[in-house]
PDB file of N, CA and C in Angstrom:
ATOM      1  N   MET A   1       2.905 -33.009  23.380  1.00  0.00           N
ATOM      2  CA  MET A   1       2.463 -35.062  23.958  1.00  0.00           C
ATOM      3  C   MET A   1       1.996 -34.053  24.688  1.00  0.00           C
ATOM      4  N   GLN A   2       1.342 -33.788  25.804  1.00  0.00           N
ATOM      5  CA  GLN A   2       0.732 -33.673  27.211  1.00  0.00           C
ATOM      6  C   GLN A   2      -0.947 -33.738  26.192  1.00  0.00           C
ATOM      7  N   LEU A   3      -0.653 -33.038  25.322  1.00  0.00           N
ATOM      8  CA  LEU A   3      -2.386 -33.305  24.810  1.00  0.00           C
ATOM      9  C   LEU A   3      -2.955 -34.669  24.234  1.00  0.00           C
ATOM     10  N   ALA A   4      -1.664 -35.172  23.981  1.00  0.00           N
ATOM     11  CA  ALA A   4      -1.897 -37.260  23.657  1.00  0.00           C
ATOM     12  C   ALA A   4      -2.054 -37.874  24.670  1.00  0.00           C
ATOM     13  N   PHE A   5      -1.128 -37.484  25.605  1.00  0.00           N
ATOM     14  CA  PHE A   5      -0.997 -38.180  26.905  1.00  0.00           C
ATOM     15  C   PHE A   5      -2.648 -37.891  28.160  1.00  0.00           C
ATOM     16  N   SER A   6      -3.230 -37.229  27.736  1.00  0.00           N
ATOM     17  CA  SER A   6      -4.382 -36.437  28.113  1.00  0.00           C
ATOM     18  C   SER A   6      -5.273 -37.817  27.838  1.00  0.00           C
ATOM     19  N   ASN A   7      -5.564 -38.127  26.299  1.00  0.00           N
ATOM     20  CA  ASN A   7      -6.618 -38.533  25.725  1.00  0.00           C
ATOM     21  C   ASN A   7      -5.989 -40.177  26.315  1.00  0.00           C
ATOM     22  N   VAL A   8      -4.763 -40.268  26.653  1.00  0.00           N
ATOM     23  CA  VAL A   8      -4.778 -42.344  27.551  1.00  0.00           C
ATOM     24  C   VAL A   8      -5.033 -41.608  28.005  1.00  0.00           C
ATOM     25  N   ILE A   9      -5.012 -40.869  29.246  1.00  0.00           N
ATOM     26  CA  ILE A   9      -5.403 -40.939  30.715  1.00  0.00           C
ATOM     27  C   ILE A   9      -7.097 -40.540  30.533  1.00  0.00           C
ATOM     28  N   ALA A  10      -7.764 -40.513  29.642  1.00  0.00           N
ATOM     29  CA  ALA A  10      -9.306 -40.166  29.737  1.00  0.00           C
ATOM     30  C   ALA A  10      -9.933 -41.776  28.909  1.00  0.00           C
ATOM     31  N   SER A  11      -8.841 -42.605  27.794  1.00  0.00           N
ATOM     32  CA  SER A  11      -9.265 -44.327  28.365  1.00  0.00           C
ATOM     33  C   SER A  11      -9.436 -45.026  28.718  1.00  0.00           C
ATOM     34  N   GLU A  12      -8.648 -44.441  30.004  1.00  0.00           N
ATOM     35  CA  GLU A  12      -8.761 -45.108  31.314  1.00  0.00           C
ATOM     36  C   GLU A  12      -9.906 -45.366  32.275  1.00  0.00           C
ATOM     37  N   GLU A  13      -9.931 -46.122  32.745  1.00  0.00           N
ATOM     38  CA  GLU A  13     -11.152 -46.615  33.923  1.00  0.00           C
ATOM     39  C   GLU A  13     -10.200 -46.103  35.650  1.00  0.00           C
ATOM     40  N   ARG A  14     -11.307 -45.084  36.108  1.00  0.00           N
ATOM     41  CA  ARG A  14     -10.537 -45.336  37.781  1.00  0.00           C
ATOM     42  C   ARG A  14      -9.304 -44.736  37.539  1.00  0.00           C
ATOM     43  N   VAL A  15      -9.346 -43.197  36.867  1.00  0.00           N
ATOM     44  CA  VAL A  15      -7.501 -42.091  37.344  1.00  0.00           C
ATOM     45  C   VAL A  15      -8.976 -40.720  37.619  1.00  0.00           C
ATOM     46  N   THR A  16      -7.976 -40.844  38.768  1.00  0.00           N
ATOM     47  CA  THR A  16      -8.161 -39.275  38.797  1.00  0.00           C
ATOM     48  C   THR A  16      -6.851 -38.103  38.939  1.00  0.00           C
ATOM     49  N   LYS A  17      -7.202 -37.424  38.555  1.00  0.00           N
ATOM     50  CA  LYS A  17      -5.620 -35.930  38.721  1.00  0.00           C
ATOM     51  C   LYS A  17      -5.688 -36.174  39.491  1.00  0.00           C
ATOM     52  N   VAL A  18      -4.665 -36.286  40.750  1.00  0.00           N
ATOM     53  CA  VAL A  18      -3.838 -35.143  41.642  1.00  0.00           C
ATOM     54  C   VAL A  18      -3.436 -34.052  42.117  1.00  0.00           C
ATOM     55  N   GLU A  19      -2.734 -34.257  40.851  1.00  0.00           N
ATOM     56  CA  GLU A  19      -1.730 -32.495  40.884  1.00  0.00           C
ATOM     57  C   GLU A  19      -0.973 -32.700  39.541  1.00  0.00           C
ATOM     58  N   ALA A  20      -0.544 -30.924  39.722  1.00  0.00           N
ATOM     59  CA  ALA A  20      -0.093 -30.913  37.778  1.00  0.00           C
ATOM     60  C   ALA A  20       1.284 -30.282  39.115  1.00  0.00           C
ATOM     61  N   THR A  21       1.973 -30.156  38.440  1.00  0.00           N
ATOM     62  CA  THR A  21       2.878 -28.544  38.332  1.00  0.00           C
ATOM     63  C   THR A  21       3.444 -27.918  36.785  1.00  0.00           C
ATOM     64  N   ASP A  22       2.681 -26.449  36.613  1.00  0.00           N
ATOM     65  CA  ASP A  22       3.581 -25.947  35.571  1.00  0.00           C
ATOM     66  C   ASP A  22       5.422 -25.643  35.138  1.00  0.00           C
ATOM     67  N   ARG A  23       5.622 -25.875  36.402  1.00  0.00           N
ATOM     68  CA  ARG A  23       6.915 -25.040  36.761  1.00  0.00           C
ATOM     69  C   ARG A  23       7.985 -26.808  35.985  1.00  0.00           C
ATOM     70  N   ASP A  24       7.706 -27.816  36.515  1.00  0.00           N
ATOM     71  CA  ASP A  24       8.908 -28.964  35.982  1.00  0.00           C
ATOM     72  C   ASP A  24       7.712 -29.776  34.768  1.00  0.00           C
ATOM     73  N   ARG A  25       6.074 -29.182  34.456  1.00  0.00           N
ATOM     74  CA  ARG A  25       6.187 -30.346  33.824  1.00  0.00           C
ATOM     75  C   ARG A  25       5.605 -31.464  33.713  1.00  0.00           C
ATOM     76  N   THR A  26       4.952 -31.707  35.610  1.00  0.00           N
ATOM     77  CA  THR A  26       4.679 -33.200  36.000  1.00  0.00           C
ATOM     78  C   THR A  26       3.259 -33.523  37.015  1.00  0.00           C
ATOM     79  N   GLU A  27       2.696 -34.635  36.431  1.00  0.00           N
ATOM     80  CA  GLU A  27       1.080 -35.003  36.725  1.00  0.00           C
ATOM     81  C   GLU A  27       1.555 -36.414  37.943  1.00  0.00           C
ATOM     82  N   ARG A  28       0.429 -36.193  38.788  1.00  0.00           N
ATOM     83  CA  ARG A  28       0.218 -37.052  39.366  1.00  0.00           C
ATOM     84  C   ARG A  28      -1.547 -37.382  39.165  1.00  0.00           C
ATOM     85  N   TYR A  29      -1.566 -38.642  39.215  1.00  0.00           N
ATOM     86  CA  TYR A  29      -3.057 -39.583  39.261  1.00  0.00           C
ATOM     87  C   TYR A  29      -2.393 -40.420  40.236  1.00  0.00           C
ATOM     88  N   ILE A  30      -3.941 -41.226  40.660  1.00  0.00           N
ATOM     89  CA  ILE A  30      -4.286 -41.808  41.046  1.00  0.00           C
ATOM     90  C   ILE A  30      -5.660 -43.096  40.204  1.00  0.00           C
ATOM     91  N   GLN A  31      -4.319 -44.239  40.204  1.00  0.00           N
ATOM     92  CA  GLN A  31      -5.932 -44.876  39.160  1.00  0.00           C
ATOM     93  C   GLN A  31      -6.216 -46.065  40.740  1.00  0.00           C
ATOM     94  N   ARG A  32      -7.271 -46.134  40.549  1.00  0.00           N
ATOM     95  CA  ARG A  32      -7.581 -47.813  41.867  1.00  0.00           C
ATOM     96  C   ARG A  32      -7.769 -49.205  41.631  1.00  0.00           C
ATOM     97  N   SER A  33      -7.682 -50.252  42.235  1.00  0.00           N
ATOM     98  CA  SER A  33      -7.685 -50.992  41.149  1.00  0.00           C
ATOM     99  C   SER A  33      -9.294 -51.330  41.314  1.00  0.00           C
ATOM    100  N   ARG A  34      -9.661 -52.761  40.244  1.00  0.00           N
ATOM    101  CA  ARG A  34     -10.932 -52.733  39.928  1.00  0.00           C
ATOM    102  C   ARG A  34     -10.914 -53.299  41.524  1.00  0.00           C
ATOM    103  N   LEU A  35     -10.789 -54.391  41.606  1.00  0.00           N
ATOM    104  CA  LEU A  35     -11.203 -55.467  43.116  1.00  0.00           C
ATOM    105  C   LEU A  35     -11.696 -55.081  43.792  1.00  0.00           C
ATOM    106  N   MET A  36     -10.286 -54.150  44.510  1.00  0.00           N
ATOM    107  CA  MET A  36     -10.860 -53.628  46.569  1.00  0.00           C
ATOM    108  C   MET A  36     -10.355 -52.292  46.015  1.00  0.00           C
ATOM    109  N   GLY A  37     -10.529 -51.377  44.989  1.00  0.00           N
ATOM    110  CA  GLY A  37      -9.968 -50.164  45.006  1.00  0.00           C
ATOM    111  C   GLY A  37      -8.847 -49.293  45.552  1.00  0.00           C
ATOM    112  N   PHE A  38      -7.485 -50.707  45.675  1.00  0.00           N
ATOM    113  CA  PHE A  38      -6.492 -49.815  46.266  1.00  0.00           C
ATOM    114  C   PHE A  38      -5.676 -49.466  44.721  1.00  0.00           C
ATOM    115  N   PRO A  39      -5.162 -47.795  45.706  1.00  0.00           N
ATOM    116  CA  PRO A  39      -4.826 -47.022  44.812  1.00  0.00           C
ATOM    117  C   PRO A  39      -3.619 -47.382  44.412  1.00  0.00           C
ATOM    118  N   ASP A  40      -2.707 -46.880  43.581  1.00  0.00           N
ATOM    119  CA  ASP A  40      -1.107 -46.354  42.763  1.00  0.00           C
ATOM    120  C   ASP A  40      -1.458 -45.077  42.317  1.00  0.00           C
ATOM    121  N   THR A  41      -0.195 -45.108  42.504  1.00  0.00           N
ATOM    122  CA  THR A  41       0.583 -43.512  41.874  1.00  0.00           C
ATOM    123  C   THR A  41       0.987 -43.942  41.163  1.00  0.00           C
ATOM    124  N   ILE A  42       0.579 -42.610  39.746  1.00  0.00           N
ATOM    125  CA  ILE A  42       1.689 -42.339  38.240  1.00  0.00           C
ATOM    126  C   ILE A  42       1.701 -41.009  38.398  1.00  0.00           C
ATOM    127  N   VAL A  43       3.568 -40.478  38.289  1.00  0.00           N
ATOM    128  CA  VAL A  43       3.563 -39.599  38.085  1.00  0.00           C
ATOM    129  C   VAL A  43       4.558 -39.586  36.155  1.00  0.00           C
ATOM    130  N   VAL A  44       3.791 -38.228  35.728  1.00  0.00           N
ATOM    131  CA  VAL A  44       4.496 -38.667  34.308  1.00  0.00           C
ATOM    132  C   VAL A  44       5.267 -37.376  34.603  1.00  0.00           C
ATOM    133  N   ARG A  45       6.534 -37.441  33.926  1.00  0.00           N
ATOM    134  CA  ARG A  45       6.949 -35.272  33.246  1.00  0.00           C
ATOM    135  C   ARG A  45       7.330 -35.716  31.848  1.00  0.00           C
ATOM    136  N   PHE A  46       6.935 -34.294  31.921  1.00  0.00           N
ATOM    137  CA  PHE A  46       7.264 -34.153  30.592  1.00  0.00           C
ATOM    138  C   PHE A  46       8.121 -33.686  30.088  1.00  0.00           C
ATOM    139  N   PHE A  47       9.412 -33.759  28.872  1.00  0.00           N
ATOM    140  CA  PHE A  47      10.758 -32.979  28.261  1.00  0.00           C
ATOM    141  C   PHE A  47      10.084 -32.427  26.961  1.00  0.00           C
ATOM    142  N   GLU A  48      11.029 -30.909  27.120  1.00  0.00           N
ATOM    143  CA  GLU A  48      11.291 -30.452  25.610  1.00  0.00           C
ATOM    144  C   GLU A  48      12.138 -30.229  24.542  1.00  0.00           C
ATOM    145  N   ARG A  49      12.303 -31.889  23.876  1.00  0.00           N
ATOM    146  CA  ARG A  49      13.737 -31.787  23.937  1.00  0.00           C
ATOM    147  C   ARG A  49      13.460 -31.088  21.901  1.00  0.00           C
ATOM    148  N   PRO A  50      15.366 -30.892  21.394  1.00  0.00           N
ATOM    149  CA  PRO A  50      14.962 -29.838  20.515  1.00  0.00           C
ATOM    150  C   PRO A  50      14.094 -30.767  19.242  1.00  0.00           C
ATOM    151  N   GLY A  51      14.724 -29.021  18.061  1.00  0.00           N
ATOM    152  CA  GLY A  51      13.135 -29.676  17.145  1.00  0.00           C
ATOM    153  C   GLY A  51      11.960 -29.554  17.020  1.00  0.00           C
ATOM    154  N   GLY A  52      11.387 -28.999  18.215  1.00  0.00           N
ATOM    155  CA  GLY A  52      10.066 -29.203  18.586  1.00  0.00           C
ATOM    156  C   GLY A  52       9.370 -30.970  18.818  1.00  0.00           C
ATOM    157  N   ARG A  53      10.398 -31.148  19.598  1.00  0.00           N
ATOM    158  CA  ARG A  53      10.035 -32.785  19.693  1.00  0.00           C
ATOM    159  C   ARG A  53      10.027 -32.317  21.171  1.00  0.00           C
ATOM    160  N   SER A  54       8.903 -33.837  22.499  1.00  0.00           N
ATOM    161  CA  SER A  54       9.492 -34.071  23.525  1.00  0.00           C
ATOM    162  C   SER A  54       9.587 -35.453  23.663  1.00  0.00           C
ATOM    163  N   THR A  55       9.533 -36.080  24.962  1.00  0.00           N
ATOM    164  CA  THR A  55       9.734 -37.101  26.187  1.00  0.00           C
ATOM    165  C   THR A  55       9.010 -36.746  27.413  1.00  0.00           C
ATOM    166  N   LEU A  56       8.679 -37.824  28.000  1.00  0.00           N
ATOM    167  CA  LEU A  56       8.116 -38.507  29.421  1.00  0.00           C
ATOM    168  C   LEU A  56       9.122 -38.963  29.739  1.00  0.00           C
ATOM    169  N   ALA A  57       9.046 -39.387  31.035  1.00  0.00           N
ATOM    170  CA  ALA A  57       8.972 -39.930  32.149  1.00  0.00           C
ATOM    171  C   ALA A  57       7.749 -40.647  32.458  1.00  0.00           C
ATOM    172  N   LEU A  58       7.763 -41.784  32.597  1.00  0.00           N
ATOM    173  CA  LEU A  58       7.374 -42.174  33.586  1.00  0.00           C
ATOM    174  C   LEU A  58       6.762 -42.929  34.450  1.00  0.00           C
ATOM    175  N   TYR A  59       6.677 -43.341  36.357  1.00  0.00           N
ATOM    176  CA  TYR A  59       6.775 -43.948  37.356  1.00  0.00           C
ATOM    177  C   TYR A  59       5.414 -44.445  37.231  1.00  0.00           C
ATOM    178  N   SER A  60       5.309 -45.533  38.057  1.00  0.00           N
ATOM    179  CA  SER A  60       3.738 -46.683  38.448  1.00  0.00           C
ATOM    180  C   SER A  60       4.619 -47.181  39.498  1.00  0.00           C
ATOM    181  N   ARG A  61       4.136 -46.985  40.964  1.00  0.00           N
ATOM    182  CA  ARG A  61       3.943 -47.455  41.538  1.00  0.00           C
ATOM    183  C   ARG A  61       2.535 -47.913  42.122  1.00  0.00           C
ATOM    184  N   SER A  62       2.087 -49.199  43.765  1.00  0.00           N
ATOM    185  CA  SER A  62       1.604 -48.910  44.375  1.00  0.00           C
ATOM    186  C   SER A  62       2.223 -48.426  45.688  1.00  0.00           C
ATOM    187  N   GLN A  63       0.496 -47.826  46.602  1.00  0.00           N
ATOM    188  CA  GLN A  63       0.590 -47.950  47.554  1.00  0.00           C
ATOM    189  C   GLN A  63       0.330 -48.702  48.673  1.00  0.00           C
ATOM    190  N   LEU A  64      -0.075 -49.706  48.413  1.00  0.00           N
ATOM    191  CA  LEU A  64      -0.517 -50.817  49.555  1.00  0.00           C
ATOM    192  C   LEU A  64      -0.438 -52.181  48.563  1.00  0.00           C
ATOM    193  N   GLY A  65       0.431 -53.151  49.894  1.00  0.00           N
ATOM    194  CA  GLY A  65       0.737 -54.559  49.669  1.00  0.00           C
ATOM    195  C   GLY A  65       1.604 -54.612  49.415  1.00  0.00           C
ATOM    196  N   LYS A  66       2.658 -55.506  48.873  1.00  0.00           N
ATOM    197  CA  LYS A  66       3.659 -56.196  49.390  1.00  0.00           C
ATOM    198  C   LYS A  66       4.818 -56.388  47.496  1.00  0.00           C
ATOM    199  N   SER A  67       3.009 -56.760  46.817  1.00  0.00           N
ATOM    200  CA  SER A  67       3.156 -57.581  45.253  1.00  0.00           C
ATOM    201  C   SER A  67       2.860 -56.560  44.386  1.00  0.00           C
ATOM    202  N   ASP A  68       2.613 -56.192  43.236  1.00  0.00           N
ATOM    203  CA  ASP A  68       1.621 -56.265  42.877  1.00  0.00           C
ATOM    204  C   ASP A  68       1.797 -57.042  41.479  1.00  0.00           C
ATOM    205  N   PHE A  69       1.149 -58.103  41.695  1.00  0.00           N
ATOM    206  CA  PHE A  69       1.936 -58.362  39.641  1.00  0.00           C
ATOM    207  C   PHE A  69       1.796 -58.633  38.815  1.00  0.00           C
ATOM    208  N   GLY A  70       2.660 -57.997  38.707  1.00  0.00           N
ATOM    209  CA  GLY A  70       3.094 -56.772  37.381  1.00  0.00           C
ATOM    210  C   GLY A  70       2.231 -55.481  37.272  1.00  0.00           C
ATOM    211  N   VAL A  71       1.262 -55.160  37.888  1.00  0.00           N
ATOM    212  CA  VAL A  71       0.253 -54.400  37.267  1.00  0.00           C
ATOM    213  C   VAL A  71       0.394 -53.492  36.888  1.00  0.00           C
ATOM    214  N   ASN A  72       1.552 -53.189  37.681  1.00  0.00           N
ATOM    215  CA  ASN A  72       2.254 -51.499  37.485  1.00  0.00           C
ATOM    216  C   ASN A  72       3.455 -51.355  36.170  1.00  0.00           C
ATOM    217  N   ARG A  73       3.844 -52.190  35.825  1.00  0.00           N
ATOM    218  CA  ARG A  73       3.962 -52.452  34.605  1.00  0.00           C
ATOM    219  C   ARG A  73       3.401 -52.265  33.213  1.00  0.00           C
ATOM    220  N   ALA A  74       2.747 -53.504  33.868  1.00  0.00           N
ATOM    221  CA  ALA A  74       1.506 -53.921  32.797  1.00  0.00           C
ATOM    222  C   ALA A  74       0.430 -52.494  31.976  1.00  0.00           C
ATOM    223  N   ARG A  75       0.836 -51.535  33.206  1.00  0.00           N
ATOM    224  CA  ARG A  75      -0.237 -50.535  33.092  1.00  0.00           C
ATOM    225  C   ARG A  75       1.041 -49.474  32.271  1.00  0.00           C
ATOM    226  N   ILE A  76       2.270 -48.965  32.597  1.00  0.00           N
ATOM    227  CA  ILE A  76       3.165 -48.262  32.053  1.00  0.00           C
ATOM    228  C   ILE A  76       3.196 -48.643  30.706  1.00  0.00           C
ATOM    229  N   ALA A  77       3.607 -50.309  29.934  1.00  0.00           N
ATOM    230  CA  ALA A  77       3.717 -51.087  28.580  1.00  0.00           C
ATOM    231  C   ALA A  77       2.052 -50.591  27.991  1.00  0.00           C
ATOM    232  N   ARG A  78       0.590 -50.553  28.835  1.00  0.00           N
ATOM    233  CA  ARG A  78       0.015 -50.767  28.208  1.00  0.00           C
ATOM    234  C   ARG A  78      -0.230 -48.490  27.664  1.00  0.00           C
ATOM    235  N   TRP A  79       0.431 -47.718  28.828  1.00  0.00           N
ATOM    236  CA  TRP A  79       0.038 -46.432  28.385  1.00  0.00           C
ATOM    237  C   TRP A  79       0.706 -46.023  27.040  1.00  0.00           C
ATOM    238  N   LEU A  80       2.489 -46.329  27.423  1.00  0.00           N
ATOM    239  CA  LEU A  80       2.778 -45.840  26.222  1.00  0.00           C
ATOM    240  C   LEU A  80       2.305 -46.387  24.532  1.00  0.00           C
ATOM    241  N   GLU A  81       1.775 -47.630  24.714  1.00  0.00           N
ATOM    242  CA  GLU A  81       0.997 -48.448  23.858  1.00  0.00           C
ATOM    243  C   GLU A  81       0.138 -46.911  22.851  1.00  0.00           C
ATOM    244  N   LYS A  82      -1.071 -46.819  23.586  1.00  0.00           N
ATOM    245  CA  LYS A  82      -1.608 -46.233  24.128  1.00  0.00           C
ATOM    246  C   LYS A  82      -1.474 -44.547  22.907  1.00  0.00           C
ATOM    247  N   LEU A  83       0.230 -44.385  23.945  1.00  0.00           N
ATOM    248  CA  LEU A  83       0.247 -42.777  23.937  1.00  0.00           C
ATOM    249  C   LEU A  83       0.716 -42.996  22.211  1.00  0.00           C
ATOM    250  N   THR A  84       1.758 -44.162  21.956  1.00  0.00           N
ATOM    251  CA  THR A  84       2.273 -44.412  20.226  1.00  0.00           C
ATOM    252  C   THR A  84       1.173 -44.262  19.664  1.00  0.00           C
ATOM    253  N   MET A  85      -0.369 -44.847  19.745  1.00  0.00           N
ATOM    254  CA  MET A  85      -0.778 -44.212  18.654  1.00  0.00           C
ATOM    255  C   MET A  85      -1.632 -42.737  18.325  1.00  0.00           C
ATOM    256  N   GLN A  86      -1.544 -41.867  20.056  1.00  0.00           N
ATOM    257  CA  GLN A  86      -1.532 -41.053  19.864  1.00  0.00           C
ATOM    258  C   GLN A  86      -1.174 -39.883  18.587  1.00  0.00           C
ATOM    259  N   ALA A  87      -0.047 -40.457  19.308  1.00  0.00           N
ATOM    260  CA  ALA A  87       1.246 -39.466  19.015  1.00  0.00           C
ATOM    261  C   ALA A  87       2.587 -40.394  18.609  1.00  0.00           C
ATOM    262  N   PRO A  88       1.893 -40.563  17.370  1.00  0.00           N
ATOM    263  CA  PRO A  88       3.750 -41.657  17.041  1.00  0.00           C
ATOM    264  C   PRO A  88       5.044 -41.524  16.476  1.00  0.00           C
ATOM    265  N   VAL A  89       6.059 -42.169  17.472  1.00  0.00           N
ATOM    266  CA  VAL A  89       7.650 -42.323  17.773  1.00  0.00           C
ATOM    267  C   VAL A  89       8.003 -41.805  16.541  1.00  0.00           C
ATOM    268  N   SER A  90       8.862 -40.874  17.235  1.00  0.00           N
ATOM    269  CA  SER A  90       9.720 -39.806  15.755  1.00  0.00           C
ATOM    270  C   SER A  90      11.517 -40.619  15.850  1.00  0.00           C
ATOM    271  N   ASN A  91      11.485 -40.736  15.101  1.00  0.00           N
ATOM    272  CA  ASN A  91      14.014 -40.883  15.407  1.00  0.00           C
ATOM    273  C   ASN A  91      14.203 -39.075  14.988  1.00  0.00           C
TER     274      ASN A  91
END
């Protein structure tokens, strides 16, 4: 799943990986807004599941301002949709 997620990140603009921790399989990214360059922090943590499967937890938040106008929620939805295309969900 981490490889598929890397492909998702590569397809996005203005994203920089700022931290990766092998111990807990966590990565932290900054994506800057198109107009003003405001930073949003995105954290992803990967979890191994039985049977060679995996899942993730994904959190996105703004660093500046009081409202993000739904940008972080839309980002998570877009990234998960792209991830599903890279690594289809199985039950």
